[in-house]
Amino acid sequence: MDDITALILDDHAAFRRGFARLDDARDPAELLAVWEALALHLDIHAEAEEAILYPHLVRHGDDGAEETEDAIGDHNKIRDAVAESKLHEVGSDAWWAAVWRARRENSEHLAEEEDEALPDFRRHASVELRAELGQRWLTFYGEHKNGRNLAFRDKDPEQYVQDHR
């Protein structure tokens, strides 16, 4: 059985590798190939967490509401930076500024999630729930391959928490 927290950590490792690949990319075609895949994965991951993990953390964690509100705000910042990058020529200064903003926001988010939200969730969620959510996570990725039927829109963090309490 796949534990949702392990699947999330797998994605986090993939993000770190993806940003490292950008460091090694040498021309616009290579930058675009790396960034398009990474940006899409960032967007899908945020939607998956918002659909599967955070509705449970809000109700079960010691600091679940606060951690969830913070995470939704982080996702918005990452989504906004990804969207901004699409408005600029790949490799341009404006494009790099948006990509670096996404990288910074993502790095901060991963650290907070790994040090706070995921440990809080693991302390309060049963092994069975974590496995059930892991299965839902895998199904979500299969149902939304390449972002199919996902809007990638910002959410109001406070409203999200209220809606999921």
C-alpha atoms as a PDB file:
ATOM      1  CA  MET A   1       0.000   0.000   0.000  1.00  0.00           C
ATOM      2  CA  ASP A   2       1.201   3.475  -0.858  1.00  0.00           C
ATOM      3  CA  ASP A   3       1.129   6.004   1.969  1.00  0.00           C
ATOM      4  CA  ILE A   4       0.076   9.426   0.713  1.00  0.00           C
ATOM      5  CA  THR A   5       2.891  11.109   2.620  1.00  0.00           C
ATOM      6  CA  ALA A   6       5.475   8.934   0.846  1.00  0.00           C
ATOM      7  CA  LEU A   7       3.912   9.748  -2.537  1.00  0.00           C
ATOM      8  CA  ILE A   8       4.029  13.456  -1.739  1.00  0.00           C
ATOM      9  CA  LEU A   9       7.675  13.167  -0.731  1.00  0.00           C
ATOM     10  CA  ASP A  10       8.374  11.384  -4.035  1.00  0.00           C
ATOM     11  CA  ASP A  11       6.931  14.387  -5.868  1.00  0.00           C
ATOM     12  CA  HIS A  12       9.024  16.741  -3.749  1.00  0.00           C
ATOM     13  CA  ALA A  13      12.177  14.877  -4.773  1.00  0.00           C
ATOM     14  CA  ALA A  14      11.104  15.094  -8.421  1.00  0.00           C
ATOM     15  CA  PHE A  15      10.674  18.880  -8.078  1.00  0.00           C
ATOM     16  CA  ARG A  16      14.160  19.264  -6.677  1.00  0.00           C
ATOM     17  CA  ARG A  17      15.586  17.211  -9.557  1.00  0.00           C
ATOM     18  CA  GLY A  18      13.570  19.225 -12.068  1.00  0.00           C
ATOM     19  CA  PHE A  19      14.895  22.538 -10.827  1.00  0.00           C
ATOM     20  CA  ALA A  20      18.419  21.093 -10.866  1.00  0.00           C
ATOM     21  CA  ARG A  21      17.871  20.089 -14.512  1.00  0.00           C
ATOM     22  CA  LEU A  22      17.022  23.704 -15.299  1.00  0.00           C
ATOM     23  CA  ASP A  23      20.428  24.664 -13.912  1.00  0.00           C
ATOM     24  CA  ASP A  24      22.032  22.360 -16.473  1.00  0.00           C
ATOM     25  CA  ALA A  25      19.879  23.304 -19.467  1.00  0.00           C
ATOM     26  CA  ARG A  26      21.896  25.188 -22.078  1.00  0.00           C
ATOM     27  CA  ASP A  27      19.502  26.474 -24.729  1.00  0.00           C
ATOM     28  CA  PRO A  28      15.875  27.652 -24.963  1.00  0.00           C
ATOM     29  CA  ALA A  29      14.610  24.346 -26.371  1.00  0.00           C
ATOM     30  CA  GLU A  30      16.122  22.429 -23.462  1.00  0.00           C
ATOM     31  CA  LEU A  31      14.876  25.013 -20.947  1.00  0.00           C
ATOM     32  CA  LEU A  32      11.372  24.763 -22.367  1.00  0.00           C
ATOM     33  CA  ALA A  33      11.359  20.955 -22.308  1.00  0.00           C
ATOM     34  CA  VAL A  34      12.454  20.845 -18.677  1.00  0.00           C
ATOM     35  CA  TRP A  35      10.267  23.720 -17.507  1.00  0.00           C
ATOM     36  CA  GLU A  36       7.042  22.659 -19.208  1.00  0.00           C
ATOM     37  CA  ALA A  37       7.142  19.231 -17.558  1.00  0.00           C
ATOM     38  CA  LEU A  38       8.159  20.640 -14.172  1.00  0.00           C
ATOM     39  CA  ALA A  39       5.605  23.459 -14.227  1.00  0.00           C
ATOM     40  CA  LEU A  40       2.796  21.061 -15.114  1.00  0.00           C
ATOM     41  CA  HIS A  41       3.849  18.689 -12.330  1.00  0.00           C
ATOM     42  CA  LEU A  42       3.894  21.576  -9.814  1.00  0.00           C
ATOM     43  CA  ASP A  43       0.363  22.569 -10.831  1.00  0.00           C
ATOM     44  CA  ILE A  44      -1.037  19.019 -10.737  1.00  0.00           C
ATOM     45  CA  HIS A  45       0.630  18.327  -7.389  1.00  0.00           C
ATOM     46  CA  ALA A  46      -0.966  21.414  -5.808  1.00  0.00           C
ATOM     47  CA  GLU A  47      -4.394  20.384  -7.087  1.00  0.00           C
ATOM     48  CA  ALA A  48      -3.907  16.836  -5.776  1.00  0.00           C
ATOM     49  CA  GLU A  49      -2.897  18.043  -2.324  1.00  0.00           C
ATOM     50  CA  GLU A  50      -5.851  20.409  -2.226  1.00  0.00           C
ATOM     51  CA  ALA A  51      -8.250  17.653  -3.260  1.00  0.00           C
ATOM     52  CA  ILE A  52      -6.864  14.843  -1.107  1.00  0.00           C
ATOM     53  CA  LEU A  53      -4.447  15.762   1.699  1.00  0.00           C
ATOM     54  CA  TYR A  54      -5.463  19.139   3.020  1.00  0.00           C
ATOM     55  CA  PRO A  55      -9.169  18.431   3.575  1.00  0.00           C
ATOM     56  CA  HIS A  56      -8.033  15.802   6.107  1.00  0.00           C
ATOM     57  CA  LEU A  57      -5.227  17.818   7.678  1.00  0.00           C
ATOM     58  CA  VAL A  58      -7.630  20.709   8.379  1.00  0.00           C
ATOM     59  CA  ARG A  59      -9.739  18.418  10.555  1.00  0.00           C
ATOM     60  CA  HIS A  60      -7.115  16.176  12.118  1.00  0.00           C
ATOM     61  CA  GLY A  61      -3.852  18.026  12.712  1.00  0.00           C
ATOM     62  CA  ASP A  62      -2.763  19.887  15.816  1.00  0.00           C
ATOM     63  CA  ASP A  63      -2.182  22.952  13.651  1.00  0.00           C
ATOM     64  CA  GLY A  64      -4.077  21.664  10.633  1.00  0.00           C
ATOM     65  CA  ALA A  65      -6.082  24.772   9.864  1.00  0.00           C
ATOM     66  CA  GLU A  66      -3.072  27.071  10.062  1.00  0.00           C
ATOM     67  CA  GLU A  67      -0.843  24.691   8.085  1.00  0.00           C
ATOM     68  CA  THR A  68      -3.534  24.265   5.438  1.00  0.00           C
ATOM     69  CA  GLU A  69      -4.153  27.977   5.079  1.00  0.00           C
ATOM     70  CA  ASP A  70      -0.426  28.549   4.681  1.00  0.00           C
ATOM     71  CA  ALA A  71      -0.091  25.736   2.128  1.00  0.00           C
ATOM     72  CA  ILE A  72      -2.965  27.019  -0.020  1.00  0.00           C
ATOM     73  CA  GLY A  73      -1.336  30.457  -0.023  1.00  0.00           C
ATOM     74  CA  ASP A  74       1.973  28.853  -1.046  1.00  0.00           C
ATOM     75  CA  HIS A  75       0.274  26.948  -3.854  1.00  0.00           C
ATOM     76  CA  ASN A  76      -1.229  30.214  -5.099  1.00  0.00           C
ATOM     77  CA  LYS A  77       2.212  31.846  -5.198  1.00  0.00           C
ATOM     78  CA  ILE A  78       3.693  28.902  -7.087  1.00  0.00           C
ATOM     79  CA  ARG A  79       0.764  28.810  -9.549  1.00  0.00           C
ATOM     80  CA  ASP A  80       1.082  32.558 -10.107  1.00  0.00           C
ATOM     81  CA  ALA A  81       4.816  32.278 -10.833  1.00  0.00           C
ATOM     82  CA  VAL A  82       4.224  29.373 -13.243  1.00  0.00           C
ATOM     83  CA  ALA A  83       1.509  31.374 -15.024  1.00  0.00           C
ATOM     84  CA  GLU A  84       3.799  34.422 -15.166  1.00  0.00           C
ATOM     85  CA  SER A  85       6.567  32.387 -16.798  1.00  0.00           C
ATOM     86  CA  LYS A  86       4.224  31.502 -19.668  1.00  0.00           C
ATOM     87  CA  LEU A  87       3.889  35.192 -20.564  1.00  0.00           C
ATOM     88  CA  HIS A  88       7.577  35.557 -21.431  1.00  0.00           C
ATOM     89  CA  GLU A  89      10.036  34.263 -23.963  1.00  0.00           C
ATOM     90  CA  VAL A  90      11.828  31.193 -22.639  1.00  0.00           C
ATOM     91  CA  GLY A  91      15.253  32.126 -21.356  1.00  0.00           C
ATOM     92  CA  SER A  92      14.538  35.858 -21.150  1.00  0.00           C
ATOM     93  CA  ASP A  93      15.239  37.787 -17.957  1.00  0.00           C
ATOM     94  CA  ALA A  94      11.496  38.055 -17.237  1.00  0.00           C
ATOM     95  CA  TRP A  95      11.042  34.327 -17.784  1.00  0.00           C
ATOM     96  CA  TRP A  96      13.930  33.510 -15.450  1.00  0.00           C
ATOM     97  CA  ALA A  97      12.536  35.897 -12.831  1.00  0.00           C
ATOM     98  CA  ALA A  98       9.211  34.029 -12.854  1.00  0.00           C
ATOM     99  CA  VAL A  99      10.893  30.610 -12.813  1.00  0.00           C
ATOM    100  CA  TRP A 100      13.155  31.631  -9.900  1.00  0.00           C
ATOM    101  CA  ARG A 101      10.139  32.953  -8.009  1.00  0.00           C
ATOM    102  CA  ALA A 102       8.419  29.586  -8.513  1.00  0.00           C
ATOM    103  CA  ARG A 103      11.578  27.831  -7.322  1.00  0.00           C
ATOM    104  CA  ARG A 104      11.907  29.968  -4.182  1.00  0.00           C
ATOM    105  CA  GLU A 105       8.246  29.657  -3.293  1.00  0.00           C
ATOM    106  CA  ASN A 106       8.316  25.920  -3.925  1.00  0.00           C
ATOM    107  CA  SER A 107      11.460  25.400  -1.840  1.00  0.00           C
ATOM    108  CA  GLU A 108       9.918  27.261   1.094  1.00  0.00           C
ATOM    109  CA  HIS A 109       6.675  25.337   0.724  1.00  0.00           C
ATOM    110  CA  LEU A 110       8.396  21.942   0.598  1.00  0.00           C
ATOM    111  CA  ALA A 111      10.380  22.710   3.738  1.00  0.00           C
ATOM    112  CA  GLU A 112       7.285  23.808   5.660  1.00  0.00           C
ATOM    113  CA  GLU A 113       5.266  20.851   4.460  1.00  0.00           C
ATOM    114  CA  GLU A 114       8.006  18.327   5.242  1.00  0.00           C
ATOM    115  CA  ASP A 115       8.819  19.828   8.652  1.00  0.00           C
ATOM    116  CA  GLU A 116       5.313  20.722   9.818  1.00  0.00           C
ATOM    117  CA  ALA A 117       2.247  19.603   7.843  1.00  0.00           C
ATOM    118  CA  LEU A 118       3.275  16.056   6.927  1.00  0.00           C
ATOM    119  CA  PRO A 119       4.567  15.135  10.405  1.00  0.00           C
ATOM    120  CA  ASP A 120       1.378  16.591  11.919  1.00  0.00           C
ATOM    121  CA  PHE A 121      -0.717  14.532   9.505  1.00  0.00           C
ATOM    122  CA  ARG A 122       1.267  11.328  10.168  1.00  0.00           C
ATOM    123  CA  ARG A 123       0.777  11.761  13.928  1.00  0.00           C
ATOM    124  CA  HIS A 124      -2.993  11.994  13.567  1.00  0.00           C
ATOM    125  CA  ALA A 125      -3.941   9.893  10.554  1.00  0.00           C
ATOM    126  CA  SER A 126      -4.256   6.144  10.772  1.00  0.00           C
ATOM    127  CA  VAL A 127      -2.164   3.919   8.560  1.00  0.00           C
ATOM    128  CA  GLU A 128      -5.395   2.866   6.859  1.00  0.00           C
ATOM    129  CA  LEU A 129      -6.376   6.459   6.067  1.00  0.00           C
ATOM    130  CA  ARG A 130      -2.900   7.210   4.730  1.00  0.00           C
ATOM    131  CA  ALA A 131      -3.116   4.152   2.460  1.00  0.00           C
ATOM    132  CA  GLU A 132      -6.638   5.071   1.314  1.00  0.00           C
ATOM    133  CA  LEU A 133      -5.506   8.597   0.482  1.00  0.00           C
ATOM    134  CA  GLY A 134      -2.438   7.186  -1.256  1.00  0.00           C
ATOM    135  CA  GLN A 135      -4.737   5.187  -3.528  1.00  0.00           C
ATOM    136  CA  ARG A 136      -6.830   8.304  -4.179  1.00  0.00           C
ATOM    137  CA  TRP A 137      -3.584  10.187  -4.989  1.00  0.00           C
ATOM    138  CA  LEU A 138      -2.570   7.626  -7.609  1.00  0.00           C
ATOM    139  CA  THR A 139      -6.084   7.627  -9.068  1.00  0.00           C
ATOM    140  CA  PHE A 140      -6.096  11.447  -9.182  1.00  0.00           C
ATOM    141  CA  TYR A 141      -2.881  11.497 -11.215  1.00  0.00           C
ATOM    142  CA  GLY A 142      -4.290   8.868 -13.578  1.00  0.00           C
ATOM    143  CA  GLU A 143      -7.577  10.719 -14.040  1.00  0.00           C
ATOM    144  CA  HIS A 144      -5.851  14.064 -14.613  1.00  0.00           C
ATOM    145  CA  LYS A 145      -2.969  12.991 -16.841  1.00  0.00           C
ATOM    146  CA  ASN A 146      -1.250  16.080 -18.235  1.00  0.00           C
ATOM    147  CA  GLY A 147      -3.583  18.251 -16.150  1.00  0.00           C
ATOM    148  CA  ARG A 148      -6.734  17.088 -17.932  1.00  0.00           C
ATOM    149  CA  ASN A 149      -9.845  18.750 -16.447  1.00  0.00           C
ATOM    150  CA  LEU A 150      -7.890  20.771 -13.870  1.00  0.00           C
ATOM    151  CA  ALA A 151      -8.333  24.555 -13.754  1.00  0.00           C
ATOM    152  CA  PHE A 152      -5.118  25.540 -11.932  1.00  0.00           C
ATOM    153  CA  ARG A 153      -6.798  28.525 -10.286  1.00  0.00           C
ATOM    154  CA  ASP A 154      -5.860  30.236  -7.054  1.00  0.00           C
ATOM    155  CA  LYS A 155      -8.032  29.539  -4.047  1.00  0.00           C
ATOM    156  CA  ASP A 156      -8.840  31.763  -1.108  1.00  0.00           C
ATOM    157  CA  PRO A 157      -6.908  30.140   1.775  1.00  0.00           C
ATOM    158  CA  GLU A 158      -9.328  31.211   4.513  1.00  0.00           C
ATOM    159  CA  GLN A 159     -12.362  30.121   2.503  1.00  0.00           C
ATOM    160  CA  TYR A 160     -10.707  26.787   1.709  1.00  0.00           C
ATOM    161  CA  VAL A 161     -10.181  26.096   5.412  1.00  0.00           C
ATOM    162  CA  GLN A 162     -13.773  27.088   6.237  1.00  0.00           C
ATOM    163  CA  ASP A 163     -15.109  24.882   3.459  1.00  0.00           C
ATOM    164  CA  HIS A 164     -13.201  21.828   4.691  1.00  0.00           C
ATOM    165  CA  ARG A 165     -13.635  22.021   8.472  1.00  0.00           C
END
